[in-house]
Amino acid sequence: VRDYAEVKGNGEITKAIADAALRMLDVDQAGFDLMDRKLLEAILFKFGGGPVGLDNVAAAIGEERDTIEDVLEPYLIQQGYLQRTPRGRIATALAYQHFGVAMPAS
């Protein structure tokens, strides 16, 4: 963001500059990058919201399971978009809301 502010602006980081830099990096308002969205979209749309095992998620998005566990999941869990359960990963109501999808009735 700092580099973007220096090149595209006057070096000052404003909200507008930060938003533009994050858009350029394909980071959405929730802080999700492309891989975060791929993970949640796979769970929501390929696996009906879960529960789904880590190996299946890894195969669906073409990513190593360790990368999913160590890099992608912590933020999604911390922010309340994903849950780890003994049966697998589950998208939360917040994930459904973020993608504008109705949550199935339980």
N, C-alpha and C. Protein backbone atom coordinates (compact mmCIF):
# COMPACT_ATOMS: atom_id res chain seq x y z
N VAL A 1 0.83 -1.18 0.00
CA VAL A 1 0.00 0.00 0.00
C VAL A 1 0.88 1.25 0.00
N ARG A 2 1.96 1.20 0.78
CA ARG A 2 2.85 2.36 0.83
C ARG A 2 3.44 2.66 -0.54
N ASP A 3 3.90 1.62 -1.24
CA ASP A 3 4.47 1.81 -2.57
C ASP A 3 3.43 2.39 -3.52
N TYR A 4 2.21 1.89 -3.44
CA TYR A 4 1.12 2.38 -4.29
C TYR A 4 0.89 3.87 -4.01
N ALA A 5 0.88 4.24 -2.72
CA ALA A 5 0.66 5.64 -2.34
C ALA A 5 1.77 6.54 -2.89
N GLU A 6 2.98 6.04 -2.91
CA GLU A 6 4.10 6.85 -3.42
C GLU A 6 4.03 7.00 -4.93
N VAL A 7 3.65 5.94 -5.63
CA VAL A 7 3.62 5.98 -7.10
C VAL A 7 2.37 6.68 -7.61
N LYS A 8 1.22 6.34 -7.05
CA LYS A 8 -0.06 6.85 -7.56
C LYS A 8 -0.54 8.12 -6.86
N GLY A 9 0.04 8.44 -5.72
CA GLY A 9 -0.40 9.62 -4.98
C GLY A 9 0.79 10.47 -4.58
N ASN A 10 0.65 11.12 -3.45
CA ASN A 10 1.72 11.99 -2.97
C ASN A 10 2.51 11.35 -1.83
N GLY A 11 2.32 10.06 -1.63
CA GLY A 11 3.02 9.35 -0.57
C GLY A 11 2.20 9.19 0.69
N GLU A 12 1.12 9.97 0.80
CA GLU A 12 0.24 9.88 1.96
C GLU A 12 -0.74 8.72 1.77
N ILE A 13 -0.89 7.90 2.81
CA ILE A 13 -1.83 6.78 2.73
C ILE A 13 -3.16 7.23 3.29
N THR A 14 -4.11 7.40 2.40
CA THR A 14 -5.47 7.76 2.78
C THR A 14 -6.35 6.52 2.61
N LYS A 15 -7.58 6.63 3.06
CA LYS A 15 -8.50 5.51 2.87
C LYS A 15 -8.69 5.21 1.39
N ALA A 16 -8.82 6.25 0.58
CA ALA A 16 -9.01 6.06 -0.86
C ALA A 16 -7.81 5.36 -1.49
N ILE A 17 -6.60 5.75 -1.09
CA ILE A 17 -5.38 5.13 -1.63
C ILE A 17 -5.31 3.67 -1.17
N ALA A 18 -5.59 3.42 0.11
CA ALA A 18 -5.55 2.05 0.63
C ALA A 18 -6.58 1.17 -0.08
N ASP A 19 -7.79 1.69 -0.27
CA ASP A 19 -8.83 0.93 -0.98
C ASP A 19 -8.41 0.62 -2.41
N ALA A 20 -7.84 1.61 -3.09
CA ALA A 20 -7.41 1.41 -4.48
C ALA A 20 -6.28 0.38 -4.56
N ALA A 21 -5.34 0.45 -3.63
CA ALA A 21 -4.22 -0.51 -3.62
C ALA A 21 -4.73 -1.92 -3.36
N LEU A 22 -5.64 -2.07 -2.43
CA LEU A 22 -6.19 -3.40 -2.13
C LEU A 22 -7.03 -3.93 -3.29
N ARG A 23 -7.77 -3.05 -3.96
CA ARG A 23 -8.52 -3.48 -5.16
C ARG A 23 -7.56 -3.99 -6.23
N MET A 24 -6.44 -3.28 -6.40
CA MET A 24 -5.45 -3.68 -7.39
C MET A 24 -4.89 -5.07 -7.06
N LEU A 25 -4.78 -5.37 -5.76
CA LEU A 25 -4.28 -6.67 -5.30
C LEU A 25 -5.40 -7.71 -5.22
N ASP A 26 -6.61 -7.34 -5.63
CA ASP A 26 -7.78 -8.22 -5.63
C ASP A 26 -8.14 -8.68 -4.22
N VAL A 27 -8.05 -7.74 -3.27
CA VAL A 27 -8.46 -7.99 -1.89
C VAL A 27 -9.79 -7.28 -1.68
N ASP A 28 -10.80 -8.04 -1.23
CA ASP A 28 -12.13 -7.44 -1.07
C ASP A 28 -12.28 -6.76 0.29
N GLN A 29 -13.48 -6.24 0.56
CA GLN A 29 -13.73 -5.48 1.78
C GLN A 29 -13.58 -6.31 3.06
N ALA A 30 -13.73 -7.63 2.95
CA ALA A 30 -13.56 -8.50 4.12
C ALA A 30 -12.09 -8.89 4.32
N GLY A 31 -11.23 -8.46 3.40
CA GLY A 31 -9.82 -8.81 3.50
C GLY A 31 -9.47 -10.11 2.79
N PHE A 32 -10.40 -10.64 1.98
CA PHE A 32 -10.16 -11.90 1.28
C PHE A 32 -9.42 -11.66 -0.02
N ASP A 33 -8.40 -12.48 -0.25
CA ASP A 33 -7.75 -12.48 -1.56
C ASP A 33 -8.36 -13.61 -2.39
N LEU A 34 -7.81 -13.82 -3.57
CA LEU A 34 -8.37 -14.82 -4.49
C LEU A 34 -8.43 -16.21 -3.86
N MET A 35 -7.38 -16.62 -3.16
CA MET A 35 -7.36 -17.97 -2.57
C MET A 35 -8.37 -18.11 -1.44
N ASP A 36 -8.55 -17.07 -0.64
CA ASP A 36 -9.57 -17.12 0.42
C ASP A 36 -10.94 -17.34 -0.21
N ARG A 37 -11.22 -16.58 -1.27
CA ARG A 37 -12.52 -16.71 -1.94
C ARG A 37 -12.67 -18.08 -2.58
N LYS A 38 -11.60 -18.59 -3.20
CA LYS A 38 -11.68 -19.93 -3.81
C LYS A 38 -12.02 -20.99 -2.78
N LEU A 39 -11.39 -20.90 -1.61
CA LEU A 39 -11.64 -21.87 -0.54
C LEU A 39 -13.10 -21.82 -0.09
N LEU A 40 -13.58 -20.63 0.22
CA LEU A 40 -14.97 -20.51 0.69
C LEU A 40 -15.97 -20.87 -0.40
N GLU A 41 -15.70 -20.45 -1.63
CA GLU A 41 -16.61 -20.79 -2.73
C GLU A 41 -16.67 -22.30 -2.96
N ALA A 42 -15.54 -22.98 -2.83
CA ALA A 42 -15.54 -24.44 -2.99
C ALA A 42 -16.41 -25.09 -1.91
N ILE A 43 -16.25 -24.65 -0.68
CA ILE A 43 -17.04 -25.23 0.41
C ILE A 43 -18.53 -24.92 0.21
N LEU A 44 -18.83 -23.69 -0.17
CA LEU A 44 -20.23 -23.29 -0.36
C LEU A 44 -20.88 -23.96 -1.56
N PHE A 45 -20.21 -23.90 -2.71
CA PHE A 45 -20.86 -24.28 -3.97
C PHE A 45 -20.57 -25.70 -4.43
N LYS A 46 -19.41 -26.23 -4.11
CA LYS A 46 -19.11 -27.61 -4.52
C LYS A 46 -19.52 -28.62 -3.46
N PHE A 47 -19.50 -28.18 -2.19
CA PHE A 47 -19.77 -29.11 -1.10
C PHE A 47 -20.96 -28.70 -0.25
N GLY A 48 -21.81 -27.85 -0.79
CA GLY A 48 -23.06 -27.49 -0.10
C GLY A 48 -22.88 -26.86 1.26
N GLY A 49 -21.76 -26.21 1.48
CA GLY A 49 -21.51 -25.56 2.76
C GLY A 49 -20.80 -26.42 3.78
N GLY A 50 -20.63 -27.70 3.46
CA GLY A 50 -19.93 -28.61 4.36
C GLY A 50 -20.91 -29.39 5.21
N PRO A 51 -20.40 -30.26 6.06
CA PRO A 51 -18.98 -30.46 6.34
C PRO A 51 -18.26 -31.18 5.19
N VAL A 52 -17.01 -30.80 5.00
CA VAL A 52 -16.18 -31.40 3.97
C VAL A 52 -14.77 -31.55 4.52
N GLY A 53 -14.15 -32.67 4.20
CA GLY A 53 -12.80 -32.95 4.67
C GLY A 53 -11.76 -32.09 3.99
N LEU A 54 -10.66 -31.89 4.68
CA LEU A 54 -9.58 -31.05 4.18
C LEU A 54 -9.00 -31.56 2.87
N ASP A 55 -8.85 -32.88 2.73
CA ASP A 55 -8.30 -33.43 1.49
C ASP A 55 -9.20 -33.12 0.30
N ASN A 56 -10.51 -33.18 0.50
CA ASN A 56 -11.44 -32.84 -0.59
C ASN A 56 -11.37 -31.37 -0.96
N VAL A 57 -11.27 -30.51 0.04
CA VAL A 57 -11.14 -29.08 -0.23
C VAL A 57 -9.84 -28.82 -0.99
N ALA A 58 -8.75 -29.44 -0.55
CA ALA A 58 -7.45 -29.25 -1.20
C ALA A 58 -7.51 -29.66 -2.67
N ALA A 59 -8.13 -30.79 -2.93
CA ALA A 59 -8.26 -31.26 -4.31
C ALA A 59 -9.13 -30.31 -5.14
N ALA A 60 -10.18 -29.80 -4.54
CA ALA A 60 -11.11 -28.93 -5.26
C ALA A 60 -10.48 -27.60 -5.67
N ILE A 61 -9.59 -27.07 -4.84
CA ILE A 61 -9.00 -25.77 -5.17
C ILE A 61 -7.56 -25.87 -5.66
N GLY A 62 -7.03 -27.09 -5.71
CA GLY A 62 -5.67 -27.28 -6.22
C GLY A 62 -4.60 -26.70 -5.32
N GLU A 63 -4.78 -26.86 -4.02
CA GLU A 63 -3.83 -26.32 -3.05
C GLU A 63 -3.43 -27.41 -2.08
N GLU A 64 -2.23 -27.31 -1.52
CA GLU A 64 -1.76 -28.28 -0.54
C GLU A 64 -2.55 -28.13 0.75
N ARG A 65 -2.83 -29.27 1.40
CA ARG A 65 -3.59 -29.22 2.65
C ARG A 65 -2.88 -28.42 3.73
N ASP A 66 -1.53 -28.49 3.79
CA ASP A 66 -0.78 -27.72 4.79
C ASP A 66 -0.95 -26.22 4.56
N THR A 67 -0.96 -25.81 3.31
CA THR A 67 -1.16 -24.39 3.00
C THR A 67 -2.54 -23.94 3.43
N ILE A 68 -3.53 -24.77 3.18
CA ILE A 68 -4.89 -24.43 3.60
C ILE A 68 -4.95 -24.29 5.11
N GLU A 69 -4.41 -25.28 5.82
CA GLU A 69 -4.46 -25.27 7.29
C GLU A 69 -3.64 -24.14 7.91
N ASP A 70 -2.46 -23.89 7.36
CA ASP A 70 -1.53 -22.95 7.99
C ASP A 70 -1.66 -21.51 7.49
N VAL A 71 -2.13 -21.33 6.25
CA VAL A 71 -2.15 -19.99 5.67
C VAL A 71 -3.57 -19.46 5.48
N LEU A 72 -4.43 -20.24 4.87
CA LEU A 72 -5.77 -19.75 4.52
C LEU A 72 -6.76 -19.81 5.68
N GLU A 73 -6.85 -20.95 6.33
CA GLU A 73 -7.88 -21.14 7.35
C GLU A 73 -7.79 -20.23 8.57
N PRO A 74 -6.62 -19.94 9.12
CA PRO A 74 -6.60 -19.16 10.37
C PRO A 74 -7.38 -17.85 10.30
N TYR A 75 -7.19 -17.08 9.24
CA TYR A 75 -7.91 -15.81 9.12
C TYR A 75 -9.41 -16.04 8.97
N LEU A 76 -9.78 -17.01 8.14
CA LEU A 76 -11.20 -17.28 7.90
C LEU A 76 -11.90 -17.75 9.18
N ILE A 77 -11.21 -18.55 9.96
CA ILE A 77 -11.77 -19.01 11.24
C ILE A 77 -11.84 -17.85 12.23
N GLN A 78 -10.75 -17.09 12.33
CA GLN A 78 -10.69 -15.96 13.26
C GLN A 78 -11.79 -14.94 12.97
N GLN A 79 -12.08 -14.71 11.70
CA GLN A 79 -13.08 -13.72 11.33
C GLN A 79 -14.51 -14.28 11.32
N GLY A 80 -14.65 -15.59 11.55
CA GLY A 80 -15.97 -16.18 11.69
C GLY A 80 -16.63 -16.66 10.41
N TYR A 81 -15.83 -16.89 9.35
CA TYR A 81 -16.38 -17.36 8.08
C TYR A 81 -16.31 -18.87 7.91
N LEU A 82 -15.51 -19.53 8.71
CA LEU A 82 -15.27 -20.96 8.56
C LEU A 82 -15.15 -21.60 9.93
N GLN A 83 -15.64 -22.83 10.05
CA GLN A 83 -15.49 -23.61 11.28
C GLN A 83 -14.83 -24.93 10.95
N ARG A 84 -13.95 -25.37 11.85
CA ARG A 84 -13.39 -26.72 11.78
C ARG A 84 -14.19 -27.57 12.76
N THR A 85 -14.69 -28.69 12.28
CA THR A 85 -15.41 -29.60 13.16
C THR A 85 -14.80 -30.99 12.99
N PRO A 86 -15.13 -31.92 13.87
CA PRO A 86 -14.61 -33.29 13.69
C PRO A 86 -15.04 -33.92 12.36
N ARG A 87 -16.15 -33.45 11.80
CA ARG A 87 -16.64 -34.01 10.53
C ARG A 87 -16.08 -33.28 9.31
N GLY A 88 -15.45 -32.13 9.51
CA GLY A 88 -14.89 -31.39 8.39
C GLY A 88 -15.12 -29.90 8.51
N ARG A 89 -14.80 -29.19 7.44
CA ARG A 89 -14.94 -27.73 7.42
C ARG A 89 -16.37 -27.36 7.05
N ILE A 90 -16.87 -26.31 7.72
CA ILE A 90 -18.23 -25.84 7.49
C ILE A 90 -18.19 -24.33 7.28
N ALA A 91 -18.87 -23.87 6.23
CA ALA A 91 -19.04 -22.43 6.02
C ALA A 91 -20.07 -21.92 7.02
N THR A 92 -19.81 -20.76 7.61
CA THR A 92 -20.73 -20.18 8.58
C THR A 92 -21.76 -19.29 7.89
N ALA A 93 -22.72 -18.83 8.67
CA ALA A 93 -23.74 -17.91 8.15
C ALA A 93 -23.08 -16.66 7.58
N LEU A 94 -21.99 -16.22 8.18
CA LEU A 94 -21.27 -15.04 7.69
C LEU A 94 -20.71 -15.27 6.29
N ALA A 95 -20.24 -16.48 6.01
CA ALA A 95 -19.73 -16.81 4.67
C ALA A 95 -20.86 -16.76 3.65
N TYR A 96 -22.00 -17.33 3.99
CA TYR A 96 -23.16 -17.28 3.09
C TYR A 96 -23.54 -15.82 2.81
N GLN A 97 -23.57 -15.02 3.86
CA GLN A 97 -23.93 -13.61 3.72
C GLN A 97 -22.92 -12.88 2.83
N HIS A 98 -21.64 -13.14 3.02
CA HIS A 98 -20.60 -12.47 2.24
C HIS A 98 -20.76 -12.72 0.75
N PHE A 99 -21.14 -13.94 0.39
CA PHE A 99 -21.29 -14.30 -1.01
C PHE A 99 -22.72 -14.11 -1.53
N GLY A 100 -23.60 -13.59 -0.67
CA GLY A 100 -24.97 -13.31 -1.09
C GLY A 100 -25.78 -14.55 -1.39
N VAL A 101 -25.51 -15.61 -0.63
CA VAL A 101 -26.18 -16.89 -0.85
C VAL A 101 -27.05 -17.20 0.37
N ALA A 102 -28.25 -17.69 0.11
CA ALA A 102 -29.14 -18.08 1.21
C ALA A 102 -28.59 -19.32 1.89
N MET A 103 -28.58 -19.29 3.21
CA MET A 103 -28.11 -20.44 3.98
C MET A 103 -29.20 -21.50 3.99
N PRO A 104 -28.83 -22.76 3.69
CA PRO A 104 -29.85 -23.81 3.70
C PRO A 104 -30.44 -24.02 5.09
N ALA A 105 -31.70 -24.40 5.13
CA ALA A 105 -32.35 -24.67 6.42
C ALA A 105 -31.74 -25.92 7.03
N SER A 106 -31.53 -25.87 8.33
CA SER A 106 -30.92 -27.02 9.02
C SER A 106 -31.94 -28.07 9.34
